[in-house]
Amino acid sequence: MSAPATEQPLRRVCVWLGEHLVIDHVSDPASASDFEAAMRRRFASLRVTNEEATGQ
């Protein structure tokens, strides 16, 4: 089932320590963008990803 045209798909922000997932956060696109920025500031040496959340 797909989201209605007015509803934006959820985003998944993950923080990685090497191959290990440390934080997994799913939210709307605006909140995900803010969360990603905060995680990049807090964990500058770790990899942070922001991708479309599938199957949520």
PDB file of N, CA and C in Angstrom:
ATOM      1  N   MET A   1       0.848  -1.163   0.000  1.00  0.00           N
ATOM      2  CA  MET A   1       0.000   0.000   0.000  1.00  0.00           C
ATOM      3  C   MET A   1       0.900   1.234   0.000  1.00  0.00           C
ATOM      4  N   SER A   2       0.595   2.192  -0.829  1.00  0.00           N
ATOM      5  CA  SER A   2       1.394   3.412  -0.890  1.00  0.00           C
ATOM      6  C   SER A   2       0.703   4.532  -0.117  1.00  0.00           C
ATOM      7  N   ALA A   3       1.500   5.519   0.265  1.00  0.00           N
ATOM      8  CA  ALA A   3       0.982   6.653   1.026  1.00  0.00           C
ATOM      9  C   ALA A   3       0.146   7.550   0.111  1.00  0.00           C
ATOM     10  N   PRO A   4      -0.871   8.206   0.663  1.00  0.00           N
ATOM     11  CA  PRO A   4      -1.641   9.161  -0.141  1.00  0.00           C
ATOM     12  C   PRO A   4      -0.740  10.262  -0.688  1.00  0.00           C
ATOM     13  N   ALA A   5      -1.148  10.897  -1.776  1.00  0.00           N
ATOM     14  CA  ALA A   5      -0.322  11.901  -2.443  1.00  0.00           C
ATOM     15  C   ALA A   5       0.021  13.069  -1.518  1.00  0.00           C
ATOM     16  N   THR A   6      -0.850  13.399  -0.564  1.00  0.00           N
ATOM     17  CA  THR A   6      -0.589  14.527   0.330  1.00  0.00           C
ATOM     18  C   THR A   6       0.337  14.154   1.483  1.00  0.00           C
ATOM     19  N   GLU A   7       0.494  12.879   1.753  1.00  0.00           N
ATOM     20  CA  GLU A   7       1.324  12.432   2.866  1.00  0.00           C
ATOM     21  C   GLU A   7       2.733  12.128   2.368  1.00  0.00           C
ATOM     22  N   GLN A   8       3.738  12.707   3.018  1.00  0.00           N
ATOM     23  CA  GLN A   8       5.118  12.456   2.631  1.00  0.00           C
ATOM     24  C   GLN A   8       5.579  11.147   3.244  1.00  0.00           C
ATOM     25  N   PRO A   9       6.416  10.404   2.514  1.00  0.00           N
ATOM     26  CA  PRO A   9       6.904   9.138   3.066  1.00  0.00           C
ATOM     27  C   PRO A   9       7.816   9.384   4.260  1.00  0.00           C
ATOM     28  N   LEU A  10       7.811   8.451   5.182  1.00  0.00           N
ATOM     29  CA  LEU A  10       8.669   8.557   6.359  1.00  0.00           C
ATOM     30  C   LEU A  10      10.131   8.398   5.975  1.00  0.00           C
ATOM     31  N   ARG A  11      11.011   8.969   6.791  1.00  0.00           N
ATOM     32  CA  ARG A  11      12.454   8.880   6.580  1.00  0.00           C
ATOM     33  C   ARG A  11      13.077   8.125   7.749  1.00  0.00           C
ATOM     34  N   ARG A  12      14.136   7.373   7.472  1.00  0.00           N
ATOM     35  CA  ARG A  12      14.870   6.632   8.498  1.00  0.00           C
ATOM     36  C   ARG A  12      16.271   7.226   8.606  1.00  0.00           C
ATOM     37  N   VAL A  13      16.591   7.722   9.797  1.00  0.00           N
ATOM     38  CA  VAL A  13      17.922   8.263  10.077  1.00  0.00           C
ATOM     39  C   VAL A  13      18.646   7.242  10.941  1.00  0.00           C
ATOM     40  N   CYS A  14      19.828   6.823  10.497  1.00  0.00           N
ATOM     41  CA  CYS A  14      20.619   5.840  11.231  1.00  0.00           C
ATOM     42  C   CYS A  14      22.004   6.403  11.530  1.00  0.00           C
ATOM     43  N   VAL A  15      22.516   6.057  12.706  1.00  0.00           N
ATOM     44  CA  VAL A  15      23.881   6.407  13.089  1.00  0.00           C
ATOM     45  C   VAL A  15      24.633   5.094  13.217  1.00  0.00           C
ATOM     46  N   TRP A  16      25.801   5.027  12.570  1.00  0.00           N
ATOM     47  CA  TRP A  16      26.566   3.788  12.464  1.00  0.00           C
ATOM     48  C   TRP A  16      27.930   3.921  13.123  1.00  0.00           C
ATOM     49  N   LEU A  17      28.314   2.911  13.861  1.00  0.00           N
ATOM     50  CA  LEU A  17      29.661   2.779  14.393  1.00  0.00           C
ATOM     51  C   LEU A  17      30.284   1.608  13.637  1.00  0.00           C
ATOM     52  N   GLY A  18      31.002   1.947  12.580  1.00  0.00           N
ATOM     53  CA  GLY A  18      31.497   0.904  11.679  1.00  0.00           C
ATOM     54  C   GLY A  18      30.306   0.236  11.015  1.00  0.00           C
ATOM     55  N   GLU A  19      30.175  -1.075  11.212  1.00  0.00           N
ATOM     56  CA  GLU A  19      29.057  -1.832  10.643  1.00  0.00           C
ATOM     57  C   GLU A  19      27.901  -1.972  11.625  1.00  0.00           C
ATOM     58  N   HIS A  20      28.038  -1.389  12.812  1.00  0.00           N
ATOM     59  CA  HIS A  20      27.037  -1.566  13.862  1.00  0.00           C
ATOM     60  C   HIS A  20      26.076  -0.383  13.912  1.00  0.00           C
ATOM     61  N   LEU A  21      24.794  -0.690  13.843  1.00  0.00           N
ATOM     62  CA  LEU A  21      23.751   0.321  13.936  1.00  0.00           C
ATOM     63  C   LEU A  21      23.616   0.740  15.396  1.00  0.00           C
ATOM     64  N   VAL A  22      23.820   2.021  15.670  1.00  0.00           N
ATOM     65  CA  VAL A  22      23.766   2.543  17.033  1.00  0.00           C
ATOM     66  C   VAL A  22      22.424   3.217  17.309  1.00  0.00           C
ATOM     67  N   ILE A  23      21.925   4.001  16.350  1.00  0.00           N
ATOM     68  CA  ILE A  23      20.655   4.711  16.499  1.00  0.00           C
ATOM     69  C   ILE A  23      19.835   4.516  15.230  1.00  0.00           C
ATOM     70  N   ASP A  24      18.551   4.202  15.396  1.00  0.00           N
ATOM     71  CA  ASP A  24      17.622   4.030  14.278  1.00  0.00           C
ATOM     72  C   ASP A  24      16.378   4.849  14.595  1.00  0.00           C
ATOM     73  N   HIS A  25      16.146   5.916  13.839  1.00  0.00           N
ATOM     74  CA  HIS A  25      15.064   6.860  14.114  1.00  0.00           C
ATOM     75  C   HIS A  25      14.219   7.025  12.854  1.00  0.00           C
ATOM     76  N   VAL A  26      12.889   6.858  12.978  1.00  0.00           N
ATOM     77  CA  VAL A  26      11.974   7.020  11.844  1.00  0.00           C
ATOM     78  C   VAL A  26      11.014   8.156  12.163  1.00  0.00           C
ATOM     79  N   SER A  27      10.883   9.106  11.214  1.00  0.00           N
ATOM     80  CA  SER A  27       9.968  10.228  11.412  1.00  0.00           C
ATOM     81  C   SER A  27       9.627  10.876  10.081  1.00  0.00           C
ATOM     82  N   ASP A  28       8.816  11.932  10.146  1.00  0.00           N
ATOM     83  CA  ASP A  28       8.459  12.672   8.947  1.00  0.00           C
ATOM     84  C   ASP A  28       9.713  13.370   8.395  1.00  0.00           C
ATOM     85  N   PRO A  29       9.706  13.758   7.128  1.00  0.00           N
ATOM     86  CA  PRO A  29      10.911  14.326   6.496  1.00  0.00           C
ATOM     87  C   PRO A  29      11.503  15.539   7.213  1.00  0.00           C
ATOM     88  N   ALA A  30      10.684  16.463   7.687  1.00  0.00           N
ATOM     89  CA  ALA A  30      11.211  17.658   8.353  1.00  0.00           C
ATOM     90  C   ALA A  30      11.902  17.304   9.670  1.00  0.00           C
ATOM     91  N   SER A  31      11.263  16.461  10.464  1.00  0.00           N
ATOM     92  CA  SER A  31      11.860  16.040  11.736  1.00  0.00           C
ATOM     93  C   SER A  31      13.112  15.205  11.504  1.00  0.00           C
ATOM     94  N   ALA A  32      13.078  14.369  10.479  1.00  0.00           N
ATOM     95  CA  ALA A  32      14.241  13.535  10.168  1.00  0.00           C
ATOM     96  C   ALA A  32      15.438  14.391   9.780  1.00  0.00           C
ATOM     97  N   SER A  33      15.197  15.458   9.036  1.00  0.00           N
ATOM     98  CA  SER A  33      16.274  16.354   8.640  1.00  0.00           C
ATOM     99  C   SER A  33      16.897  17.038   9.857  1.00  0.00           C
ATOM    100  N   ASP A  34      16.050  17.496  10.783  1.00  0.00           N
ATOM    101  CA  ASP A  34      16.541  18.115  12.016  1.00  0.00           C
ATOM    102  C   ASP A  34      17.317  17.107  12.858  1.00  0.00           C
ATOM    103  N   PHE A  35      16.784  15.881  12.963  1.00  0.00           N
ATOM    104  CA  PHE A  35      17.442  14.838  13.745  1.00  0.00           C
ATOM    105  C   PHE A  35      18.794  14.479  13.132  1.00  0.00           C
ATOM    106  N   GLU A  36      18.832  14.364  11.809  1.00  0.00           N
ATOM    107  CA  GLU A  36      20.090  14.061  11.120  1.00  0.00           C
ATOM    108  C   GLU A  36      21.141  15.132  11.429  1.00  0.00           C
ATOM    109  N   ALA A  37      20.759  16.395  11.332  1.00  0.00           N
ATOM    110  CA  ALA A  37      21.697  17.489  11.607  1.00  0.00           C
ATOM    111  C   ALA A  37      22.213  17.417  13.044  1.00  0.00           C
ATOM    112  N   ALA A  38      21.325  17.131  13.984  1.00  0.00           N
ATOM    113  CA  ALA A  38      21.730  17.024  15.385  1.00  0.00           C
ATOM    114  C   ALA A  38      22.695  15.855  15.592  1.00  0.00           C
ATOM    115  N   MET A  39      22.421  14.718  14.946  1.00  0.00           N
ATOM    116  CA  MET A  39      23.290  13.556  15.101  1.00  0.00           C
ATOM    117  C   MET A  39      24.663  13.790  14.455  1.00  0.00           C
ATOM    118  N   ARG A  40      24.680  14.508  13.339  1.00  0.00           N
ATOM    119  CA  ARG A  40      25.962  14.837  12.695  1.00  0.00           C
ATOM    120  C   ARG A  40      26.806  15.745  13.589  1.00  0.00           C
ATOM    121  N   ARG A  41      26.158  16.666  14.305  1.00  0.00           N
ATOM    122  CA  ARG A  41      26.899  17.528  15.242  1.00  0.00           C
ATOM    123  C   ARG A  41      27.381  16.715  16.441  1.00  0.00           C
ATOM    124  N   ARG A  42      26.514  15.876  16.982  1.00  0.00           N
ATOM    125  CA  ARG A  42      26.824  15.120  18.207  1.00  0.00           C
ATOM    126  C   ARG A  42      27.838  14.021  17.956  1.00  0.00           C
ATOM    127  N   PHE A  43      27.728  13.331  16.813  1.00  0.00           N
ATOM    128  CA  PHE A  43      28.590  12.194  16.502  1.00  0.00           C
ATOM    129  C   PHE A  43      29.347  12.472  15.207  1.00  0.00           C
ATOM    130  N   ALA A  44      30.198  13.472  15.230  1.00  0.00           N
ATOM    131  CA  ALA A  44      30.893  13.941  14.021  1.00  0.00           C
ATOM    132  C   ALA A  44      31.749  12.863  13.370  1.00  0.00           C
ATOM    133  N   SER A  45      32.261  11.922  14.139  1.00  0.00           N
ATOM    134  CA  SER A  45      33.151  10.908  13.573  1.00  0.00           C
ATOM    135  C   SER A  45      32.403   9.662  13.084  1.00  0.00           C
ATOM    136  N   LEU A  46      31.087   9.589  13.312  1.00  0.00           N
ATOM    137  CA  LEU A  46      30.316   8.414  12.897  1.00  0.00           C
ATOM    138  C   LEU A  46      29.558   8.699  11.605  1.00  0.00           C
ATOM    139  N   ARG A  47      29.215   7.629  10.893  1.00  0.00           N
ATOM    140  CA  ARG A  47      28.441   7.750   9.658  1.00  0.00           C
ATOM    141  C   ARG A  47      26.972   7.911  10.013  1.00  0.00           C
ATOM    142  N   VAL A  48      26.314   8.890   9.388  1.00  0.00           N
ATOM    143  CA  VAL A  48      24.888   9.142   9.589  1.00  0.00           C
ATOM    144  C   VAL A  48      24.208   9.050   8.230  1.00  0.00           C
ATOM    145  N   THR A  49      23.143   8.246   8.149  1.00  0.00           N
ATOM    146  CA  THR A  49      22.406   8.099   6.896  1.00  0.00           C
ATOM    147  C   THR A  49      20.978   8.589   7.082  1.00  0.00           C
ATOM    148  N   ASN A  50      20.378   9.077   5.996  1.00  0.00           N
ATOM    149  CA  ASN A  50      18.990   9.533   5.990  1.00  0.00           C
ATOM    150  C   ASN A  50      18.370   9.010   4.697  1.00  0.00           C
ATOM    151  N   GLU A  51      17.532   7.983   4.826  1.00  0.00           N
ATOM    152  CA  GLU A  51      16.941   7.329   3.652  1.00  0.00           C
ATOM    153  C   GLU A  51      15.440   7.175   3.843  1.00  0.00           C
ATOM    154  N   GLU A  52      14.744   6.916   2.746  1.00  0.00           N
ATOM    155  CA  GLU A  52      13.315   6.661   2.829  1.00  0.00           C
ATOM    156  C   GLU A  52      13.083   5.379   3.619  1.00  0.00           C
ATOM    157  N   ALA A  53      12.152   5.446   4.554  1.00  0.00           N
ATOM    158  CA  ALA A  53      11.807   4.274   5.371  1.00  0.00           C
ATOM    159  C   ALA A  53      10.831   3.422   4.583  1.00  0.00           C
ATOM    160  N   THR A  54      11.176   2.204   4.304  1.00  0.00           N
ATOM    161  CA  THR A  54      10.297   1.302   3.561  1.00  0.00           C
ATOM    162  C   THR A  54       9.646   0.320   4.523  1.00  0.00           C
ATOM    163  N   GLY A  55       8.397  -0.013   4.258  1.00  0.00           N
ATOM    164  CA  GLY A  55       7.697  -0.987   5.074  1.00  0.00           C
ATOM    165  C   GLY A  55       7.278  -0.484   6.430  1.00  0.00           C
ATOM    166  N   GLN A  56       7.151   0.818   6.610  1.00  0.00           N
ATOM    167  CA  GLN A  56       6.771   1.370   7.907  1.00  0.00           C
ATOM    168  C   GLN A  56       5.302   1.670   7.942  1.00  0.00           C
TER     169      GLN A  56
END
